[in-house]
Every structure is written in C-alpha cells, then in structure tokens.
Amino acid sequence: MTRADQDLWVFAYGSLMWRPDFEFVERIGATLFGYHRALCIISVHHRGTAEAPGLVLGLDRGGSCRGVAYRIGPAQRDHTLAYLREREQVTSVYLETSHDLLLADGRTVRGLAYTADRSHAQFAKGLTLEERFKRVRHAVGVSGRNPDYVRATCHELETLGIHDRGLLDLVRLLESDGAYR
C-alpha cells in the first residue's frame, strides 16, 4: 500500500477545530504530547496585517495539548494536504510535523500537526495577558477580526470540555473592553 492509499490524520488545536474547510471521514478528540497551545504566532495575514499584526495560536514545545483529530480518507488526502499547506504556510511560521496522537477512544495514530517555528520572526514567546490583549484587540486580517478568532476558539474548546485559562482570560478582557460589540 502506498502512502497516497492511506488515511491522513490531522491534529487541530485552533481554528481548524471550528473551521476545518476540508472533507473528513472522522472527527474525534485527541491529545498531542510534547507541545502546548499558545498565542505565540504574530499574524500578518489571516488575523492581522504587517501594519497592525494580530496574534494566533501555535503549538509550542512542552506539555500537552488537547484538541481534535480529523481522519481524511485516501481520496481526499492530496487535496487536503494542498489546502492545509496553502492555509497554514502563508508565511512559513509553522512547521509541518508528524506526531503520535492519543485519540479519545484509546487508539494511537500518526498525525500531521502544524507546530510553531521558534526561529521565525513571527514567533512571539512569553507575552503577558496585557501584551496579547493589545495585539488582538483591533487586529483584522483576510480571515476576519482577531477578537472573533480568539472567542470562537475559546468557545469550541469549552464545547469540547477543554478549559484554556489563558484564552478565557483574554476573552473576558476583550469583552470588558467592548471588542465584541
């Protein structure tokens, strides 16, 4: 069996959870070990511009991350890979990597994930809540408003029973500032 004849698993931890925009055969909760979800990518395309950069999620080293795994059938494999590369690799801030994923039903599968390239100029490590707020608050890119991205991701995580304190605190700060009016 060739690789193109096999299913493709994709790990989602941010907007891919609530807006995958590709066909899949299965969607299931999953955990990726060795990385954690962080607002560590400066967005100059999807949720910001070069003049007013926003902030989006990346997988940074350390810890673990709960999210969603999608199984893509062989017929959609190449199309999905091309789509994901176009969506996630606009500025090459993500590395396309392969990892073992622990699925919610106990299976372990090998899956694709987009991890943060710590050497990229758009990688932002250790931002305070106030710094994240300032970046996200008014940023808008080709995929929409940055505050909407943060809120939609936080909502999806809550729906899945995943409580991300950092995102929740940011959403609350944005709400108190009126960013969602």
C-alpha atoms as a PDB file:
ATOM      1  CA  MET A   1       0.000   0.000   0.000  1.00  0.00           C
ATOM      2  CA  THR A   2       1.398   3.383  -0.956  1.00  0.00           C
ATOM      3  CA  ARG A   3       1.218   6.423   1.283  1.00  0.00           C
ATOM      4  CA  ALA A   4      -1.390   8.018  -1.018  1.00  0.00           C
ATOM      5  CA  ASP A   5      -3.642   4.989  -0.397  1.00  0.00           C
ATOM      6  CA  GLN A   6      -3.622   5.586   3.357  1.00  0.00           C
ATOM      7  CA  ASP A   7      -5.775   7.746   5.584  1.00  0.00           C
ATOM      8  CA  LEU A   8      -4.321  11.060   6.732  1.00  0.00           C
ATOM      9  CA  TRP A   9      -4.806  12.213  10.324  1.00  0.00           C
ATOM     10  CA  VAL A  10      -4.658  15.950  11.073  1.00  0.00           C
ATOM     11  CA  PHE A  11      -4.417  17.425  14.582  1.00  0.00           C
ATOM     12  CA  ALA A  12      -6.410  20.623  15.160  1.00  0.00           C
ATOM     13  CA  TYR A  13      -5.880  22.893  18.165  1.00  0.00           C
ATOM     14  CA  GLY A  14      -7.136  26.295  16.945  1.00  0.00           C
ATOM     15  CA  SER A  15      -9.345  27.437  14.084  1.00  0.00           C
ATOM     16  CA  LEU A  16      -9.116  24.071  12.331  1.00  0.00           C
ATOM     17  CA  MET A  17     -11.334  22.754  15.149  1.00  0.00           C
ATOM     18  CA  TRP A  18     -14.233  25.067  14.271  1.00  0.00           C
ATOM     19  CA  ARG A  19     -13.447  25.797  10.612  1.00  0.00           C
ATOM     20  CA  PRO A  20     -11.652  22.861   9.016  1.00  0.00           C
ATOM     21  CA  ASP A  21     -12.887  23.620   5.459  1.00  0.00           C
ATOM     22  CA  PHE A  22     -11.944  20.153   4.206  1.00  0.00           C
ATOM     23  CA  GLU A  23     -13.759  16.837   3.947  1.00  0.00           C
ATOM     24  CA  PHE A  24     -13.111  14.259   6.646  1.00  0.00           C
ATOM     25  CA  VAL A  25     -14.260  10.748   7.477  1.00  0.00           C
ATOM     26  CA  GLU A  26     -13.934  11.021  11.250  1.00  0.00           C
ATOM     27  CA  ARG A  27     -13.565  13.720  13.905  1.00  0.00           C
ATOM     28  CA  ILE A  28     -12.519  12.738  17.416  1.00  0.00           C
ATOM     29  CA  GLY A  29     -10.947  14.321  20.488  1.00  0.00           C
ATOM     30  CA  ALA A  30      -7.188  13.860  20.633  1.00  0.00           C
ATOM     31  CA  THR A  31      -4.142  14.712  22.715  1.00  0.00           C
ATOM     32  CA  LEU A  32      -0.705  15.618  21.407  1.00  0.00           C
ATOM     33  CA  PHE A  33       2.111  15.218  23.924  1.00  0.00           C
ATOM     34  CA  GLY A  34       5.254  17.358  23.913  1.00  0.00           C
ATOM     35  CA  TYR A  35       3.525  20.568  22.767  1.00  0.00           C
ATOM     36  CA  HIS A  36       1.027  23.024  24.197  1.00  0.00           C
ATOM     37  CA  ARG A  37      -1.411  25.519  22.660  1.00  0.00           C
ATOM     38  CA  ALA A  38      -0.153  29.120  22.881  1.00  0.00           C
ATOM     39  CA  LEU A  39      -0.953  32.503  21.365  1.00  0.00           C
ATOM     40  CA  CYS A  40       2.596  32.722  20.074  1.00  0.00           C
ATOM     41  CA  ILE A  41       2.280  33.500  16.358  1.00  0.00           C
ATOM     42  CA  ILE A  42       2.195  37.082  15.116  1.00  0.00           C
ATOM     43  CA  SER A  43      -0.394  37.147  12.340  1.00  0.00           C
ATOM     44  CA  VAL A  44       0.220  39.445   9.383  1.00  0.00           C
ATOM     45  CA  HIS A  45      -2.220  37.692   7.065  1.00  0.00           C
ATOM     46  CA  HIS A  46      -5.190  35.754   8.500  1.00  0.00           C
ATOM     47  CA  ARG A  47      -5.896  37.848  11.631  1.00  0.00           C
ATOM     48  CA  GLY A  48      -3.754  40.929  11.157  1.00  0.00           C
ATOM     49  CA  THR A  49      -1.614  42.865   8.706  1.00  0.00           C
ATOM     50  CA  ALA A  50       2.029  43.915   8.558  1.00  0.00           C
ATOM     51  CA  GLU A  51       0.928  47.390   9.748  1.00  0.00           C
ATOM     52  CA  ALA A  52      -1.335  46.054  12.533  1.00  0.00           C
ATOM     53  CA  PRO A  53      -0.327  42.478  13.347  1.00  0.00           C
ATOM     54  CA  GLY A  54      -2.624  40.181  15.266  1.00  0.00           C
ATOM     55  CA  LEU A  55      -1.911  37.050  17.252  1.00  0.00           C
ATOM     56  CA  VAL A  56      -2.910  33.446  16.563  1.00  0.00           C
ATOM     57  CA  LEU A  57      -2.307  30.075  18.122  1.00  0.00           C
ATOM     58  CA  GLY A  58       0.652  27.830  17.586  1.00  0.00           C
ATOM     59  CA  LEU A  59       1.872  24.605  19.112  1.00  0.00           C
ATOM     60  CA  ASP A  60       4.912  25.435  21.223  1.00  0.00           C
ATOM     61  CA  ARG A  61       7.255  22.924  22.836  1.00  0.00           C
ATOM     62  CA  GLY A  62       6.453  21.398  26.197  1.00  0.00           C
ATOM     63  CA  GLY A  63       3.421  19.977  27.966  1.00  0.00           C
ATOM     64  CA  SER A  64       0.473  18.538  26.106  1.00  0.00           C
ATOM     65  CA  CYS A  65      -2.416  19.809  24.039  1.00  0.00           C
ATOM     66  CA  ARG A  66      -5.964  18.526  23.805  1.00  0.00           C
ATOM     67  CA  GLY A  67      -7.750  19.199  20.542  1.00  0.00           C
ATOM     68  CA  VAL A  68      -9.394  17.343  17.685  1.00  0.00           C
ATOM     69  CA  ALA A  69      -8.057  14.806  15.183  1.00  0.00           C
ATOM     70  CA  TYR A  70      -9.561  14.508  11.725  1.00  0.00           C
ATOM     71  CA  ARG A  71      -9.240  11.369   9.620  1.00  0.00           C
ATOM     72  CA  ILE A  72      -9.134  12.143   5.925  1.00  0.00           C
ATOM     73  CA  GLY A  73      -9.717   9.299   3.509  1.00  0.00           C
ATOM     74  CA  PRO A  74      -7.238   8.416   0.752  1.00  0.00           C
ATOM     75  CA  ALA A  75      -9.358  10.059  -1.970  1.00  0.00           C
ATOM     76  CA  GLN A  76      -9.100  13.448  -0.222  1.00  0.00           C
ATOM     77  CA  ARG A  77      -5.529  13.118   1.088  1.00  0.00           C
ATOM     78  CA  ASP A  78      -3.660  15.086  -1.604  1.00  0.00           C
ATOM     79  CA  HIS A  79      -6.346  17.768  -1.879  1.00  0.00           C
ATOM     80  CA  THR A  80      -6.407  18.239   1.914  1.00  0.00           C
ATOM     81  CA  LEU A  81      -2.610  18.430   2.160  1.00  0.00           C
ATOM     82  CA  ALA A  82      -2.524  21.065  -0.591  1.00  0.00           C
ATOM     83  CA  TYR A  83      -5.286  23.041   1.128  1.00  0.00           C
ATOM     84  CA  LEU A  84      -3.614  22.879   4.554  1.00  0.00           C
ATOM     85  CA  ARG A  85      -0.265  23.963   3.145  1.00  0.00           C
ATOM     86  CA  GLU A  86      -1.877  26.933   1.438  1.00  0.00           C
ATOM     87  CA  ARG A  87      -3.776  27.887   4.615  1.00  0.00           C
ATOM     88  CA  GLU A  88      -1.094  27.239   7.231  1.00  0.00           C
ATOM     89  CA  GLN A  89       2.104  28.037   5.350  1.00  0.00           C
ATOM     90  CA  VAL A  90       1.363  31.569   4.093  1.00  0.00           C
ATOM     91  CA  THR A  91       4.457  32.949   5.839  1.00  0.00           C
ATOM     92  CA  SER A  92       6.168  29.643   6.780  1.00  0.00           C
ATOM     93  CA  VAL A  93       5.821  30.331  10.514  1.00  0.00           C
ATOM     94  CA  TYR A  94       4.515  26.793  11.061  1.00  0.00           C
ATOM     95  CA  LEU A  95       6.445  23.581  10.616  1.00  0.00           C
ATOM     96  CA  GLU A  96       4.539  20.654   9.152  1.00  0.00           C
ATOM     97  CA  THR A  97       5.368  17.863  11.583  1.00  0.00           C
ATOM     98  CA  SER A  98       4.266  14.298  12.285  1.00  0.00           C
ATOM     99  CA  HIS A  99       3.361  13.064  15.779  1.00  0.00           C
ATOM    100  CA  ASP A 100       1.670  10.272  17.662  1.00  0.00           C
ATOM    101  CA  LEU A 101      -1.819  11.350  18.691  1.00  0.00           C
ATOM    102  CA  LEU A 102      -3.749   9.716  21.502  1.00  0.00           C
ATOM    103  CA  LEU A 103      -7.390   9.599  20.436  1.00  0.00           C
ATOM    104  CA  ALA A 104     -10.249   9.874  22.925  1.00  0.00           C
ATOM    105  CA  ASP A 105     -11.204   6.234  22.310  1.00  0.00           C
ATOM    106  CA  GLY A 106      -7.710   5.000  23.253  1.00  0.00           C
ATOM    107  CA  ARG A 107      -6.272   4.490  19.770  1.00  0.00           C
ATOM    108  CA  THR A 108      -2.896   5.956  18.889  1.00  0.00           C
ATOM    109  CA  VAL A 109      -2.414   7.236  15.335  1.00  0.00           C
ATOM    110  CA  ARG A 110       0.310   9.099  13.499  1.00  0.00           C
ATOM    111  CA  GLY A 111      -0.917  12.553  12.563  1.00  0.00           C
ATOM    112  CA  LEU A 112       0.076  15.798  10.945  1.00  0.00           C
ATOM    113  CA  ALA A 113       0.344  18.942  13.079  1.00  0.00           C
ATOM    114  CA  TYR A 114       1.472  22.483  12.412  1.00  0.00           C
ATOM    115  CA  THR A 115       3.938  23.472  15.121  1.00  0.00           C
ATOM    116  CA  ALA A 116       5.455  26.886  15.764  1.00  0.00           C
ATOM    117  CA  ASP A 117       8.846  27.585  14.215  1.00  0.00           C
ATOM    118  CA  ARG A 118      10.632  29.198  17.161  1.00  0.00           C
ATOM    119  CA  SER A 119      13.312  30.636  14.848  1.00  0.00           C
ATOM    120  CA  HIS A 120      10.775  32.524  12.685  1.00  0.00           C
ATOM    121  CA  ALA A 121      10.458  36.310  13.088  1.00  0.00           C
ATOM    122  CA  GLN A 122       6.709  35.904  13.718  1.00  0.00           C
ATOM    123  CA  PHE A 123       7.219  33.679  16.767  1.00  0.00           C
ATOM    124  CA  ALA A 124       6.337  35.565  19.967  1.00  0.00           C
ATOM    125  CA  LYS A 125       7.271  33.827  23.199  1.00  0.00           C
ATOM    126  CA  GLY A 126       6.121  34.704  26.693  1.00  0.00           C
ATOM    127  CA  LEU A 127       3.701  37.537  26.005  1.00  0.00           C
ATOM    128  CA  THR A 128       1.787  38.783  29.032  1.00  0.00           C
ATOM    129  CA  LEU A 129      -2.012  38.923  29.036  1.00  0.00           C
ATOM    130  CA  GLU A 130      -1.832  42.685  28.506  1.00  0.00           C
ATOM    131  CA  GLU A 131       0.534  42.271  25.519  1.00  0.00           C
ATOM    132  CA  ARG A 132      -1.744  39.636  23.960  1.00  0.00           C
ATOM    133  CA  PHE A 133      -4.746  41.904  24.526  1.00  0.00           C
ATOM    134  CA  LYS A 134      -3.059  44.867  22.811  1.00  0.00           C
ATOM    135  CA  ARG A 135      -2.158  42.748  19.770  1.00  0.00           C
ATOM    136  CA  VAL A 136      -5.552  41.064  19.408  1.00  0.00           C
ATOM    137  CA  ARG A 137      -7.893  43.936  20.295  1.00  0.00           C
ATOM    138  CA  HIS A 138      -8.103  45.763  16.940  1.00  0.00           C
ATOM    139  CA  ALA A 139      -6.322  43.389  14.559  1.00  0.00           C
ATOM    140  CA  VAL A 140      -8.116  42.294  11.388  1.00  0.00           C
ATOM    141  CA  GLY A 141      -6.814  40.149   8.534  1.00  0.00           C
ATOM    142  CA  VAL A 142      -8.127  38.370   5.445  1.00  0.00           C
ATOM    143  CA  SER A 143      -9.856  35.750   7.633  1.00  0.00           C
ATOM    144  CA  GLY A 144     -11.554  38.305   9.874  1.00  0.00           C
ATOM    145  CA  ARG A 145     -11.252  40.039  13.225  1.00  0.00           C
ATOM    146  CA  ASN A 146      -8.669  38.743  15.679  1.00  0.00           C
ATOM    147  CA  PRO A 147     -11.003  39.007  18.721  1.00  0.00           C
ATOM    148  CA  ASP A 148     -13.551  36.810  16.884  1.00  0.00           C
ATOM    149  CA  TYR A 149     -10.881  34.170  16.261  1.00  0.00           C
ATOM    150  CA  VAL A 150      -9.962  34.087  19.959  1.00  0.00           C
ATOM    151  CA  ARG A 151     -13.591  33.899  21.069  1.00  0.00           C
ATOM    152  CA  ALA A 152     -14.548  31.204  18.525  1.00  0.00           C
ATOM    153  CA  THR A 153     -11.575  29.079  19.539  1.00  0.00           C
ATOM    154  CA  CYS A 154     -12.320  29.504  23.228  1.00  0.00           C
ATOM    155  CA  HIS A 155     -15.980  28.604  22.620  1.00  0.00           C
ATOM    156  CA  GLU A 156     -15.040  25.459  20.688  1.00  0.00           C
ATOM    157  CA  LEU A 157     -12.634  24.408  23.432  1.00  0.00           C
ATOM    158  CA  GLU A 158     -15.340  24.910  26.068  1.00  0.00           C
ATOM    159  CA  THR A 159     -17.750  22.839  23.932  1.00  0.00           C
ATOM    160  CA  LEU A 160     -15.163  20.037  23.954  1.00  0.00           C
ATOM    161  CA  GLY A 161     -14.719  20.322  27.722  1.00  0.00           C
ATOM    162  CA  ILE A 162     -11.270  21.874  27.387  1.00  0.00           C
ATOM    163  CA  HIS A 163     -10.664  24.872  29.647  1.00  0.00           C
ATOM    164  CA  ASP A 164      -7.828  27.066  28.423  1.00  0.00           C
ATOM    165  CA  ARG A 165      -7.354  29.631  31.183  1.00  0.00           C
ATOM    166  CA  GLY A 166      -5.162  31.922  29.069  1.00  0.00           C
ATOM    167  CA  LEU A 167      -7.697  32.167  26.237  1.00  0.00           C
ATOM    168  CA  LEU A 168     -10.590  32.531  28.676  1.00  0.00           C
ATOM    169  CA  ASP A 169      -8.848  35.409  30.466  1.00  0.00           C
ATOM    170  CA  LEU A 170      -8.194  37.112  27.123  1.00  0.00           C
ATOM    171  CA  VAL A 171     -11.825  36.711  26.007  1.00  0.00           C
ATOM    172  CA  ARG A 172     -13.015  38.233  29.283  1.00  0.00           C
ATOM    173  CA  LEU A 173     -10.642  41.171  28.883  1.00  0.00           C
ATOM    174  CA  LEU A 174     -11.778  41.712  25.292  1.00  0.00           C
ATOM    175  CA  GLU A 175     -15.431  41.549  26.385  1.00  0.00           C
ATOM    176  CA  SER A 176     -14.867  44.102  29.160  1.00  0.00           C
ATOM    177  CA  ASP A 177     -13.176  46.382  26.625  1.00  0.00           C
ATOM    178  CA  GLY A 178     -16.104  46.151  24.224  1.00  0.00           C
ATOM    179  CA  ALA A 179     -14.209  44.336  21.453  1.00  0.00           C
ATOM    180  CA  TYR A 180     -17.289  42.205  20.668  1.00  0.00           C
ATOM    181  CA  ARG A 181     -19.826  44.988  20.155  1.00  0.00           C
END
